[in-house]
C-alpha cells in the first residue's frame, strides 16, 4: 500500500507569486511613465523646430518686402495711388521671392494718408508660408509678416483644423 502524503496548508502559500506580480507592475508603471515623458519631450522638441521655420518664413517675407521697397519706391500702394501693383518678377524671370512667383497681390487705399499692400507665398517644396502686409502712411512704412509652418497661398490657408500649426510674426516700422 502506498502512503498518502498530507500536505500542510501554510499561511505563506502564494507569497512568491504576489511579490513577482507586484514587482512586475511597478516596473511596468515606471516604463510607461518614461515612455510618456519621452513622447511629450519629442512633441515639445518638434514644436520648437516648427516655430523656427515659422519665424524664418516671417523674416524672409520682411526681407522680400524691404528688397522691393528699396529697389523700387513705387512697388507698394501709397495713399495717392488707386491701382493694384504687379509684384511679379520682371520679364524673362519667373522668380519673385525665395524662388516663388507671387500671383495674388491686393492693394487698398485706406484714406488720403494711408494704403496697404498684401501678398504672400509658400516655400516650395515645403509647406511653410508667409503672409505680408505693407502699410504706407505719410512717410512711414510698416511691414508685418506672419510666418506659418503649414499653409499655402497668399493668406497661408489650411484645409480643416490643424492643432499643430505654428505662427510667428515680425513687424518693422521705418
Foldseek 3Di string as FASTA:
>chain_A
DDDDDDDDDDPCPCVVVVVVVVVVVVVVVVVVVVVVVVVVVVLVVVLVVQQVLQVVQQVQQVVLVVVVCVVDVPQADFLVDDDWHQQFDDPPDRARGLRHGWDDKDKARDHSFKIKIWFKAAHPPAAKIKIWIWMGGHPKIKIKIKIKRHAGGNVRDDPDDDPSIDIDMDMDMD
